[in-house]
Amino acid sequence: MTARPDPNRKLVVRLVALVVVMGALSWAAVPFYSWFCQVTGFAGTTQVATQGSDSVLEETVRVRFDANVMSDLDWTFRPMQREMTVRIGETAMAYYEAVNNSDQVVTGTASYNVSPDAAGYFFEKIECFCFTEQTLKPGERVEMPLTFFVSPDMVADRDAGRIRDITLSYTFFRSDEQKSAAADMDVRPATAIN
């Protein structure tokens, strides 16, 4: 007599396999989403270029600059110019200023976004302070350059072709390593007892 496979065992194996596959997909979702945004410019994600554009058009675009700081970072952060008009394909340079208002050495990281979202794929950064962490001493002031161009390919794009106003927005926040180091030290202000 041959033994019949246990139907419950088959079900358990399938359910375990389903859980493993769902876990793997969840784990892969974040890097996949980051890759997808970088490749497509989705959600205003900009591109990174190693050199300027080969062609410069007569058409122009106005680039506005915005700056924000998270509340746990005691910095003043602002664009040194509110906007500039550049020819499409022309390499341009803008500056942001950061000042550490605290009495401690602080490391911050900038995240960025381009609006409207459709312009993100065509906004090419050559050099940016957002590529690395920025460490400022107490009271230190720095000017941080940004070198960029708007790709001439934008003009032919069905969605982005008519865009002539782009906003580049940065938000500075305390670096994760510094947050975890402060948490490890469990630093709390002294409480006076009267």
N, C-alpha and C. Protein backbone atom coordinates (compact mmCIF):
# COMPACT_ATOMS: atom_id res chain seq x y z
N MET A 1 0.83 -1.16 0.00
CA MET A 1 0.00 0.00 0.00
C MET A 1 0.89 1.25 0.00
N THR A 2 0.58 2.24 -0.87
CA THR A 2 1.39 3.46 -0.95
C THR A 2 0.81 4.50 0.01
N ALA A 3 1.71 5.25 0.60
CA ALA A 3 1.29 6.28 1.55
C ALA A 3 0.83 7.53 0.79
N ARG A 4 -0.32 8.02 1.19
CA ARG A 4 -0.84 9.25 0.59
C ARG A 4 -0.20 10.46 1.24
N PRO A 5 0.16 11.45 0.42
CA PRO A 5 0.74 12.66 1.02
C PRO A 5 -0.29 13.34 1.92
N ASP A 6 0.19 13.84 3.02
CA ASP A 6 -0.66 14.53 3.99
C ASP A 6 -1.04 15.90 3.42
N PRO A 7 -2.34 16.17 3.20
CA PRO A 7 -2.75 17.45 2.63
C PRO A 7 -2.41 18.64 3.55
N ASN A 8 -2.41 18.41 4.84
CA ASN A 8 -2.06 19.49 5.77
C ASN A 8 -0.60 19.89 5.64
N ARG A 9 0.25 18.90 5.39
CA ARG A 9 1.69 19.19 5.24
C ARG A 9 1.92 20.06 4.00
N LYS A 10 1.22 19.74 2.90
CA LYS A 10 1.32 20.54 1.68
C LYS A 10 0.88 21.98 1.94
N LEU A 11 -0.19 22.14 2.66
CA LEU A 11 -0.71 23.46 2.97
C LEU A 11 0.29 24.26 3.82
N VAL A 12 0.88 23.62 4.81
CA VAL A 12 1.85 24.29 5.68
C VAL A 12 3.07 24.72 4.86
N VAL A 13 3.57 23.86 3.99
CA VAL A 13 4.72 24.20 3.15
C VAL A 13 4.39 25.40 2.26
N ARG A 14 3.21 25.40 1.68
CA ARG A 14 2.81 26.52 0.82
C ARG A 14 2.69 27.82 1.61
N LEU A 15 2.11 27.74 2.79
CA LEU A 15 1.96 28.94 3.61
C LEU A 15 3.32 29.48 4.07
N VAL A 16 4.23 28.60 4.45
CA VAL A 16 5.57 29.03 4.85
C VAL A 16 6.28 29.67 3.65
N ALA A 17 6.15 29.07 2.48
CA ALA A 17 6.77 29.63 1.28
C ALA A 17 6.18 31.01 0.97
N LEU A 18 4.88 31.16 1.14
CA LEU A 18 4.23 32.44 0.91
C LEU A 18 4.77 33.50 1.88
N VAL A 19 4.93 33.14 3.14
CA VAL A 19 5.46 34.08 4.14
C VAL A 19 6.89 34.48 3.78
N VAL A 20 7.71 33.53 3.36
CA VAL A 20 9.10 33.83 2.98
C VAL A 20 9.13 34.76 1.77
N VAL A 21 8.31 34.49 0.77
CA VAL A 21 8.26 35.33 -0.43
C VAL A 21 7.78 36.74 -0.07
N MET A 22 6.75 36.85 0.75
CA MET A 22 6.25 38.17 1.15
C MET A 22 7.31 38.93 1.94
N GLY A 23 8.03 38.25 2.81
CA GLY A 23 9.11 38.89 3.57
C GLY A 23 10.21 39.39 2.65
N ALA A 24 10.59 38.58 1.67
CA ALA A 24 11.64 38.98 0.72
C ALA A 24 11.18 40.18 -0.10
N LEU A 25 9.93 40.18 -0.54
CA LEU A 25 9.42 41.32 -1.31
C LEU A 25 9.38 42.59 -0.45
N SER A 26 8.99 42.46 0.80
CA SER A 26 8.98 43.63 1.70
C SER A 26 10.39 44.16 1.90
N TRP A 27 11.34 43.29 2.09
CA TRP A 27 12.73 43.69 2.30
C TRP A 27 13.28 44.39 1.05
N ALA A 28 12.90 43.92 -0.12
CA ALA A 28 13.42 44.48 -1.38
C ALA A 28 12.68 45.73 -1.83
N ALA A 29 11.56 46.05 -1.21
CA ALA A 29 10.74 47.17 -1.66
C ALA A 29 11.46 48.52 -1.55
N VAL A 30 12.17 48.76 -0.45
CA VAL A 30 12.82 50.06 -0.26
C VAL A 30 13.93 50.29 -1.28
N PRO A 31 14.89 49.36 -1.46
CA PRO A 31 15.90 49.63 -2.49
C PRO A 31 15.30 49.67 -3.90
N PHE A 32 14.28 48.87 -4.15
CA PHE A 32 13.66 48.90 -5.48
C PHE A 32 13.00 50.25 -5.72
N TYR A 33 12.29 50.77 -4.72
CA TYR A 33 11.63 52.07 -4.87
C TYR A 33 12.66 53.17 -5.09
N SER A 34 13.77 53.14 -4.35
CA SER A 34 14.83 54.13 -4.53
C SER A 34 15.39 54.06 -5.95
N TRP A 35 15.65 52.84 -6.42
CA TRP A 35 16.16 52.66 -7.78
C TRP A 35 15.14 53.18 -8.79
N PHE A 36 13.88 52.82 -8.61
CA PHE A 36 12.82 53.24 -9.53
C PHE A 36 12.73 54.77 -9.60
N CYS A 37 12.78 55.43 -8.44
CA CYS A 37 12.72 56.90 -8.41
C CYS A 37 13.93 57.52 -9.11
N GLN A 38 15.11 56.93 -8.89
CA GLN A 38 16.33 57.47 -9.51
C GLN A 38 16.29 57.32 -11.03
N VAL A 39 15.80 56.18 -11.50
CA VAL A 39 15.78 55.92 -12.94
C VAL A 39 14.71 56.74 -13.65
N THR A 40 13.55 56.88 -13.02
CA THR A 40 12.43 57.55 -13.69
C THR A 40 12.25 59.00 -13.31
N GLY A 41 12.91 59.44 -12.22
CA GLY A 41 12.67 60.80 -11.74
C GLY A 41 11.36 60.91 -10.99
N PHE A 42 10.75 59.77 -10.66
CA PHE A 42 9.48 59.74 -9.95
C PHE A 42 9.62 60.46 -8.61
N ALA A 43 8.58 61.16 -8.20
CA ALA A 43 8.54 61.88 -6.93
C ALA A 43 9.59 62.97 -6.86
N GLY A 44 9.97 63.52 -8.00
CA GLY A 44 10.90 64.64 -8.01
C GLY A 44 12.34 64.28 -7.75
N THR A 45 12.69 63.00 -7.87
CA THR A 45 14.07 62.58 -7.65
C THR A 45 14.94 63.07 -8.80
N THR A 46 16.03 63.73 -8.46
CA THR A 46 16.92 64.28 -9.49
C THR A 46 17.90 63.23 -9.97
N GLN A 47 18.58 63.56 -11.06
CA GLN A 47 19.60 62.69 -11.62
C GLN A 47 20.98 63.21 -11.23
N VAL A 48 21.98 62.35 -11.33
CA VAL A 48 23.36 62.73 -11.04
C VAL A 48 24.15 62.63 -12.34
N ALA A 49 24.86 63.69 -12.69
CA ALA A 49 25.66 63.73 -13.91
C ALA A 49 27.13 63.90 -13.55
N THR A 50 28.01 63.42 -14.40
CA THR A 50 29.44 63.59 -14.16
C THR A 50 30.00 64.80 -14.89
N GLN A 51 29.25 65.30 -15.87
CA GLN A 51 29.68 66.48 -16.62
C GLN A 51 28.46 67.21 -17.14
N GLY A 52 28.67 68.41 -17.65
CA GLY A 52 27.58 69.21 -18.18
C GLY A 52 27.01 68.66 -19.47
N SER A 53 25.96 69.28 -19.92
CA SER A 53 25.28 68.87 -21.15
C SER A 53 26.12 69.24 -22.37
N ASP A 54 25.98 68.46 -23.43
CA ASP A 54 26.67 68.75 -24.69
C ASP A 54 25.98 69.84 -25.50
N SER A 55 24.68 70.03 -25.23
CA SER A 55 23.97 71.06 -26.00
C SER A 55 23.27 72.02 -25.04
N VAL A 56 23.23 73.28 -25.46
CA VAL A 56 22.56 74.33 -24.69
C VAL A 56 21.53 74.97 -25.61
N LEU A 57 20.29 75.02 -25.15
CA LEU A 57 19.20 75.58 -25.96
C LEU A 57 19.00 77.06 -25.64
N GLU A 58 18.28 77.74 -26.50
CA GLU A 58 17.95 79.15 -26.25
C GLU A 58 16.84 79.28 -25.21
N GLU A 59 16.01 78.25 -25.09
CA GLU A 59 14.90 78.31 -24.14
C GLU A 59 15.44 78.33 -22.72
N THR A 60 14.71 79.02 -21.85
CA THR A 60 15.16 79.14 -20.46
C THR A 60 14.16 78.51 -19.50
N VAL A 61 14.64 78.28 -18.31
CA VAL A 61 13.81 77.79 -17.22
C VAL A 61 14.21 78.56 -15.96
N ARG A 62 13.23 78.88 -15.15
CA ARG A 62 13.51 79.56 -13.89
C ARG A 62 13.60 78.50 -12.79
N VAL A 63 14.70 78.53 -12.06
CA VAL A 63 14.90 77.58 -10.96
C VAL A 63 14.80 78.36 -9.66
N ARG A 64 13.87 77.94 -8.81
CA ARG A 64 13.71 78.54 -7.48
C ARG A 64 14.38 77.64 -6.46
N PHE A 65 14.93 78.24 -5.44
CA PHE A 65 15.65 77.49 -4.41
C PHE A 65 14.94 77.64 -3.08
N ASP A 66 14.78 76.52 -2.39
CA ASP A 66 14.07 76.49 -1.11
C ASP A 66 14.95 75.76 -0.09
N ALA A 67 14.85 76.14 1.18
CA ALA A 67 15.66 75.51 2.23
C ALA A 67 14.82 75.32 3.49
N ASN A 68 14.97 74.16 4.11
CA ASN A 68 14.26 73.83 5.35
C ASN A 68 15.23 73.12 6.28
N VAL A 69 14.95 73.20 7.58
CA VAL A 69 15.76 72.52 8.58
C VAL A 69 14.82 71.80 9.54
N MET A 70 15.11 70.54 9.83
CA MET A 70 14.32 69.80 10.80
C MET A 70 14.52 70.41 12.19
N SER A 71 13.53 70.27 13.05
CA SER A 71 13.55 70.95 14.35
C SER A 71 14.65 70.46 15.28
N ASP A 72 15.18 69.25 15.08
CA ASP A 72 16.24 68.75 15.98
C ASP A 72 17.63 69.21 15.55
N LEU A 73 17.71 70.06 14.54
CA LEU A 73 19.00 70.56 14.05
C LEU A 73 19.02 72.08 14.22
N ASP A 74 19.86 72.56 15.10
CA ASP A 74 19.92 74.00 15.40
C ASP A 74 20.83 74.70 14.39
N TRP A 75 20.39 74.72 13.15
CA TRP A 75 21.12 75.37 12.07
C TRP A 75 20.23 76.41 11.41
N THR A 76 20.88 77.41 10.84
CA THR A 76 20.23 78.31 9.91
C THR A 76 20.68 77.84 8.53
N PHE A 77 19.73 77.65 7.63
CA PHE A 77 20.04 77.12 6.31
C PHE A 77 19.20 77.89 5.30
N ARG A 78 19.86 78.46 4.29
CA ARG A 78 19.12 79.26 3.31
C ARG A 78 19.84 79.27 1.97
N PRO A 79 19.07 79.46 0.89
CA PRO A 79 19.72 79.65 -0.41
C PRO A 79 20.29 81.06 -0.46
N MET A 80 21.43 81.22 -1.09
CA MET A 80 22.04 82.54 -1.20
C MET A 80 21.45 83.33 -2.37
N GLN A 81 20.65 82.67 -3.19
CA GLN A 81 19.86 83.32 -4.22
C GLN A 81 18.50 82.62 -4.22
N ARG A 82 17.45 83.38 -4.33
CA ARG A 82 16.11 82.79 -4.29
C ARG A 82 15.75 82.09 -5.59
N GLU A 83 16.25 82.60 -6.70
CA GLU A 83 15.96 81.99 -7.99
C GLU A 83 16.99 82.43 -9.01
N MET A 84 17.06 81.69 -10.09
CA MET A 84 17.90 82.08 -11.23
C MET A 84 17.26 81.55 -12.50
N THR A 85 17.49 82.27 -13.59
CA THR A 85 17.02 81.84 -14.89
C THR A 85 18.22 81.30 -15.66
N VAL A 86 18.09 80.06 -16.14
CA VAL A 86 19.20 79.44 -16.86
C VAL A 86 18.69 78.91 -18.20
N ARG A 87 19.57 78.88 -19.17
CA ARG A 87 19.22 78.26 -20.44
C ARG A 87 19.20 76.75 -20.25
N ILE A 88 18.29 76.10 -20.91
CA ILE A 88 18.19 74.64 -20.80
C ILE A 88 19.45 74.02 -21.38
N GLY A 89 20.12 73.19 -20.59
CA GLY A 89 21.38 72.57 -20.97
C GLY A 89 22.59 73.30 -20.43
N GLU A 90 22.42 74.55 -20.00
CA GLU A 90 23.53 75.35 -19.47
C GLU A 90 23.89 74.90 -18.06
N THR A 91 25.19 74.74 -17.80
CA THR A 91 25.65 74.40 -16.45
C THR A 91 25.60 75.66 -15.60
N ALA A 92 24.97 75.54 -14.44
CA ALA A 92 24.81 76.69 -13.54
C ALA A 92 25.30 76.32 -12.15
N MET A 93 25.64 77.35 -11.38
CA MET A 93 26.08 77.12 -10.01
C MET A 93 25.28 78.01 -9.07
N ALA A 94 24.80 77.41 -8.00
CA ALA A 94 24.08 78.15 -6.96
C ALA A 94 24.74 77.81 -5.63
N TYR A 95 24.47 78.65 -4.63
CA TYR A 95 25.06 78.42 -3.31
C TYR A 95 23.98 78.44 -2.24
N TYR A 96 24.17 77.60 -1.26
CA TYR A 96 23.38 77.60 -0.04
C TYR A 96 24.31 77.93 1.12
N GLU A 97 23.76 78.53 2.16
CA GLU A 97 24.53 78.87 3.35
C GLU A 97 23.97 78.10 4.54
N ALA A 98 24.87 77.57 5.35
CA ALA A 98 24.46 76.89 6.59
C ALA A 98 25.27 77.47 7.74
N VAL A 99 24.61 77.66 8.88
CA VAL A 99 25.26 78.15 10.09
C VAL A 99 24.85 77.25 11.24
N ASN A 100 25.84 76.76 11.99
CA ASN A 100 25.58 75.96 13.18
C ASN A 100 25.37 76.93 14.34
N ASN A 101 24.14 77.04 14.82
CA ASN A 101 23.81 77.95 15.92
C ASN A 101 24.02 77.33 17.29
N SER A 102 24.38 76.06 17.34
CA SER A 102 24.53 75.38 18.63
C SER A 102 25.95 75.55 19.18
N ASP A 103 26.16 75.03 20.38
CA ASP A 103 27.48 75.07 21.00
C ASP A 103 28.19 73.72 20.88
N GLN A 104 27.74 72.91 19.91
CA GLN A 104 28.31 71.58 19.70
C GLN A 104 28.66 71.39 18.23
N VAL A 105 29.58 70.46 17.98
CA VAL A 105 29.85 70.04 16.60
C VAL A 105 28.64 69.22 16.16
N VAL A 106 28.09 69.55 15.01
CA VAL A 106 26.88 68.88 14.54
C VAL A 106 27.07 68.44 13.09
N THR A 107 26.64 67.21 12.80
CA THR A 107 26.68 66.69 11.44
C THR A 107 25.27 66.58 10.91
N GLY A 108 25.06 67.12 9.71
CA GLY A 108 23.75 67.09 9.09
C GLY A 108 23.82 66.50 7.69
N THR A 109 22.68 66.06 7.22
CA THR A 109 22.54 65.51 5.87
C THR A 109 21.36 66.20 5.21
N ALA A 110 21.49 66.51 3.94
CA ALA A 110 20.41 67.17 3.21
C ALA A 110 19.70 66.18 2.29
N SER A 111 18.39 66.18 2.36
CA SER A 111 17.60 65.46 1.37
C SER A 111 17.03 66.52 0.44
N TYR A 112 16.62 66.11 -0.74
CA TYR A 112 16.19 67.09 -1.73
C TYR A 112 15.01 66.58 -2.52
N ASN A 113 14.35 67.51 -3.18
CA ASN A 113 13.24 67.18 -4.03
C ASN A 113 13.09 68.27 -5.08
N VAL A 114 12.58 67.89 -6.22
CA VAL A 114 12.32 68.84 -7.30
C VAL A 114 10.83 68.85 -7.57
N SER A 115 10.31 70.04 -7.77
CA SER A 115 8.90 70.19 -8.09
C SER A 115 8.79 71.08 -9.32
N PRO A 116 7.91 70.77 -10.25
CA PRO A 116 7.02 69.63 -10.32
C PRO A 116 7.77 68.31 -10.51
N ASP A 117 7.13 67.24 -10.09
CA ASP A 117 7.76 65.91 -10.13
C ASP A 117 8.32 65.56 -11.50
N ALA A 118 7.60 65.93 -12.55
CA ALA A 118 8.02 65.57 -13.91
C ALA A 118 9.37 66.17 -14.28
N ALA A 119 9.77 67.24 -13.61
CA ALA A 119 11.06 67.87 -13.91
C ALA A 119 12.23 67.14 -13.26
N GLY A 120 11.97 66.32 -12.25
CA GLY A 120 13.03 65.64 -11.52
C GLY A 120 13.95 64.81 -12.40
N TYR A 121 13.38 64.12 -13.37
CA TYR A 121 14.17 63.27 -14.25
C TYR A 121 15.14 64.08 -15.10
N PHE A 122 14.84 65.34 -15.33
CA PHE A 122 15.66 66.18 -16.22
C PHE A 122 16.57 67.15 -15.46
N PHE A 123 16.45 67.17 -14.14
CA PHE A 123 17.29 68.05 -13.33
C PHE A 123 18.54 67.27 -12.95
N GLU A 124 19.67 67.64 -13.52
CA GLU A 124 20.92 66.89 -13.38
C GLU A 124 21.88 67.63 -12.45
N LYS A 125 22.28 66.97 -11.37
CA LYS A 125 23.26 67.56 -10.44
C LYS A 125 24.64 67.02 -10.77
N ILE A 126 25.60 67.92 -10.90
CA ILE A 126 26.99 67.53 -11.14
C ILE A 126 27.74 67.51 -9.82
N GLU A 127 27.53 68.54 -9.02
CA GLU A 127 28.16 68.63 -7.70
C GLU A 127 27.10 69.13 -6.73
N CYS A 128 27.04 68.51 -5.55
CA CYS A 128 26.03 68.92 -4.58
C CYS A 128 26.48 68.58 -3.16
N PHE A 129 26.22 69.49 -2.26
CA PHE A 129 26.51 69.25 -0.84
C PHE A 129 25.63 68.13 -0.28
N CYS A 130 24.58 67.79 -1.00
CA CYS A 130 23.68 66.73 -0.54
C CYS A 130 24.27 65.34 -0.77
N PHE A 131 25.37 65.23 -1.51
CA PHE A 131 25.99 63.93 -1.75
C PHE A 131 26.74 63.42 -0.52
N THR A 132 27.12 64.32 0.40
CA THR A 132 27.89 63.93 1.58
C THR A 132 27.32 64.62 2.82
N GLU A 133 27.68 64.08 3.99
CA GLU A 133 27.29 64.71 5.24
C GLU A 133 28.09 66.00 5.43
N GLN A 134 27.51 66.95 6.12
CA GLN A 134 28.16 68.22 6.41
C GLN A 134 28.35 68.33 7.92
N THR A 135 29.59 68.53 8.36
CA THR A 135 29.88 68.69 9.78
C THR A 135 30.31 70.13 10.04
N LEU A 136 29.60 70.79 10.95
CA LEU A 136 29.89 72.18 11.28
C LEU A 136 30.23 72.30 12.75
N LYS A 137 31.26 73.08 13.03
CA LYS A 137 31.67 73.38 14.40
C LYS A 137 30.71 74.42 14.98
N PRO A 138 30.71 74.59 16.30
CA PRO A 138 29.83 75.60 16.90
C PRO A 138 30.06 76.98 16.28
N GLY A 139 28.99 77.61 15.82
CA GLY A 139 29.07 78.94 15.23
C GLY A 139 29.62 78.99 13.82
N GLU A 140 30.02 77.86 13.27
CA GLU A 140 30.62 77.85 11.93
C GLU A 140 29.58 78.16 10.86
N ARG A 141 30.02 78.92 9.85
CA ARG A 141 29.20 79.27 8.69
C ARG A 141 29.89 78.74 7.45
N VAL A 142 29.15 78.06 6.57
CA VAL A 142 29.73 77.56 5.33
C VAL A 142 28.82 77.93 4.16
N GLU A 143 29.46 78.12 3.00
CA GLU A 143 28.75 78.28 1.74
C GLU A 143 28.94 76.99 0.97
N MET A 144 27.83 76.39 0.56
CA MET A 144 27.87 75.08 -0.09
C MET A 144 27.40 75.21 -1.54
N PRO A 145 28.25 74.80 -2.48
CA PRO A 145 27.90 74.94 -3.90
C PRO A 145 27.01 73.80 -4.41
N LEU A 146 26.28 74.14 -5.42
CA LEU A 146 25.45 73.19 -6.16
C LEU A 146 25.68 73.50 -7.63
N THR A 147 26.16 72.51 -8.38
CA THR A 147 26.35 72.67 -9.82
C THR A 147 25.34 71.76 -10.53
N PHE A 148 24.60 72.31 -11.46
CA PHE A 148 23.50 71.56 -12.08
C PHE A 148 23.23 72.05 -13.49
N PHE A 149 22.40 71.29 -14.19
CA PHE A 149 21.82 71.76 -15.46
C PHE A 149 20.49 71.05 -15.65
N VAL A 150 19.66 71.64 -16.47
CA VAL A 150 18.39 71.03 -16.84
C VAL A 150 18.60 70.42 -18.22
N SER A 151 18.37 69.12 -18.33
CA SER A 151 18.65 68.40 -19.57
C SER A 151 17.80 68.92 -20.74
N PRO A 152 18.43 69.10 -21.89
CA PRO A 152 17.68 69.50 -23.09
C PRO A 152 16.61 68.49 -23.48
N ASP A 153 16.73 67.25 -23.03
CA ASP A 153 15.72 66.24 -23.34
C ASP A 153 14.35 66.60 -22.76
N MET A 154 14.32 67.49 -21.78
CA MET A 154 13.06 67.87 -21.16
C MET A 154 12.11 68.50 -22.17
N VAL A 155 12.64 69.27 -23.11
CA VAL A 155 11.82 69.99 -24.08
C VAL A 155 10.97 69.04 -24.91
N ALA A 156 11.49 67.87 -25.24
CA ALA A 156 10.78 66.91 -26.08
C ALA A 156 9.86 65.99 -25.28
N ASP A 157 9.93 66.04 -23.96
CA ASP A 157 9.11 65.15 -23.14
C ASP A 157 7.66 65.60 -23.12
N ARG A 158 6.76 64.63 -23.26
CA ARG A 158 5.33 64.92 -23.31
C ARG A 158 4.83 65.56 -22.02
N ASP A 159 5.32 65.09 -20.86
CA ASP A 159 4.84 65.61 -19.58
C ASP A 159 5.60 66.84 -19.12
N ALA A 160 6.90 66.87 -19.34
CA ALA A 160 7.74 67.94 -18.80
C ALA A 160 8.08 69.02 -19.81
N GLY A 161 7.72 68.83 -21.06
CA GLY A 161 8.14 69.74 -22.12
C GLY A 161 7.76 71.19 -21.96
N ARG A 162 6.68 71.46 -21.25
CA ARG A 162 6.23 72.85 -21.09
C ARG A 162 6.64 73.47 -19.76
N ILE A 163 7.32 72.72 -18.95
CA ILE A 163 7.73 73.24 -17.64
C ILE A 163 8.79 74.32 -17.83
N ARG A 164 8.55 75.47 -17.23
CA ARG A 164 9.53 76.56 -17.29
C ARG A 164 9.84 77.13 -15.90
N ASP A 165 9.22 76.55 -14.87
CA ASP A 165 9.50 76.92 -13.48
C ASP A 165 9.75 75.64 -12.69
N ILE A 166 10.91 75.56 -12.06
CA ILE A 166 11.30 74.39 -11.27
C ILE A 166 11.69 74.87 -9.88
N THR A 167 11.26 74.14 -8.87
CA THR A 167 11.67 74.45 -7.50
C THR A 167 12.53 73.32 -6.98
N LEU A 168 13.72 73.67 -6.51
CA LEU A 168 14.63 72.71 -5.89
C LEU A 168 14.57 72.97 -4.39
N SER A 169 14.14 71.98 -3.64
CA SER A 169 13.96 72.14 -2.20
C SER A 169 14.87 71.18 -1.44
N TYR A 170 15.56 71.70 -0.44
CA TYR A 170 16.42 70.89 0.42
C TYR A 170 15.90 70.94 1.84
N THR A 171 16.03 69.83 2.54
CA THR A 171 15.76 69.78 3.97
C THR A 171 16.97 69.18 4.65
N PHE A 172 17.53 69.92 5.60
CA PHE A 172 18.68 69.42 6.37
C PHE A 172 18.16 68.77 7.64
N PHE A 173 18.72 67.62 7.97
CA PHE A 173 18.38 66.95 9.22
C PHE A 173 19.64 66.38 9.85
N ARG A 174 19.58 66.16 11.15
CA ARG A 174 20.72 65.62 11.89
C ARG A 174 21.01 64.22 11.35
N SER A 175 22.29 63.91 11.17
CA SER A 175 22.65 62.60 10.61
C SER A 175 22.27 61.49 11.58
N ASP A 176 21.95 60.31 11.03
CA ASP A 176 21.51 59.18 11.84
C ASP A 176 22.58 58.74 12.83
N GLU A 177 23.86 58.75 12.43
CA GLU A 177 24.93 58.33 13.33
C GLU A 177 24.99 59.24 14.55
N GLN A 178 24.79 60.53 14.34
CA GLN A 178 24.85 61.46 15.46
C GLN A 178 23.65 61.28 16.38
N LYS A 179 22.49 60.99 15.81
CA LYS A 179 21.31 60.73 16.63
C LYS A 179 21.53 59.52 17.52
N SER A 180 22.06 58.43 16.92
CA SER A 180 22.27 57.21 17.70
C SER A 180 23.36 57.40 18.75
N ALA A 181 24.39 58.19 18.45
CA ALA A 181 25.45 58.45 19.43
C ALA A 181 24.89 59.23 20.62
N ALA A 182 24.04 60.20 20.35
CA ALA A 182 23.43 60.97 21.44
C ALA A 182 22.51 60.09 22.27
N ALA A 183 21.79 59.19 21.62
CA ALA A 183 20.92 58.27 22.35
C ALA A 183 21.74 57.32 23.21
N ASP A 184 22.88 56.85 22.69
CA ASP A 184 23.75 55.96 23.46
C ASP A 184 24.28 56.65 24.71
N MET A 185 24.59 57.95 24.60
CA MET A 185 25.12 58.69 25.74
C MET A 185 24.01 59.04 26.72
N ASP A 186 22.76 58.97 26.28
CA ASP A 186 21.60 59.29 27.10
C ASP A 186 21.78 60.65 27.77
N VAL A 187 22.10 61.64 26.96
CA VAL A 187 22.35 62.98 27.47
C VAL A 187 21.02 63.67 27.74
N ARG A 188 20.85 64.12 28.98
CA ARG A 188 19.65 64.85 29.37
C ARG A 188 20.07 66.13 30.08
N PRO A 189 19.33 67.20 29.90
CA PRO A 189 19.68 68.42 30.62
C PRO A 189 19.45 68.24 32.11
N ALA A 190 20.29 68.88 32.89
CA ALA A 190 20.14 68.80 34.34
C ALA A 190 18.88 69.53 34.76
N THR A 191 18.19 68.99 35.75
CA THR A 191 16.98 69.61 36.25
C THR A 191 17.28 70.24 37.60
N ALA A 192 17.01 71.51 37.71
CA ALA A 192 17.26 72.20 38.99
C ALA A 192 16.13 71.91 39.96
N ILE A 193 16.50 71.65 41.20
CA ILE A 193 15.51 71.40 42.25
C ILE A 193 15.57 72.57 43.21
N ASN A 194 14.45 73.26 43.37
CA ASN A 194 14.41 74.42 44.28
C ASN A 194 13.71 74.09 45.56
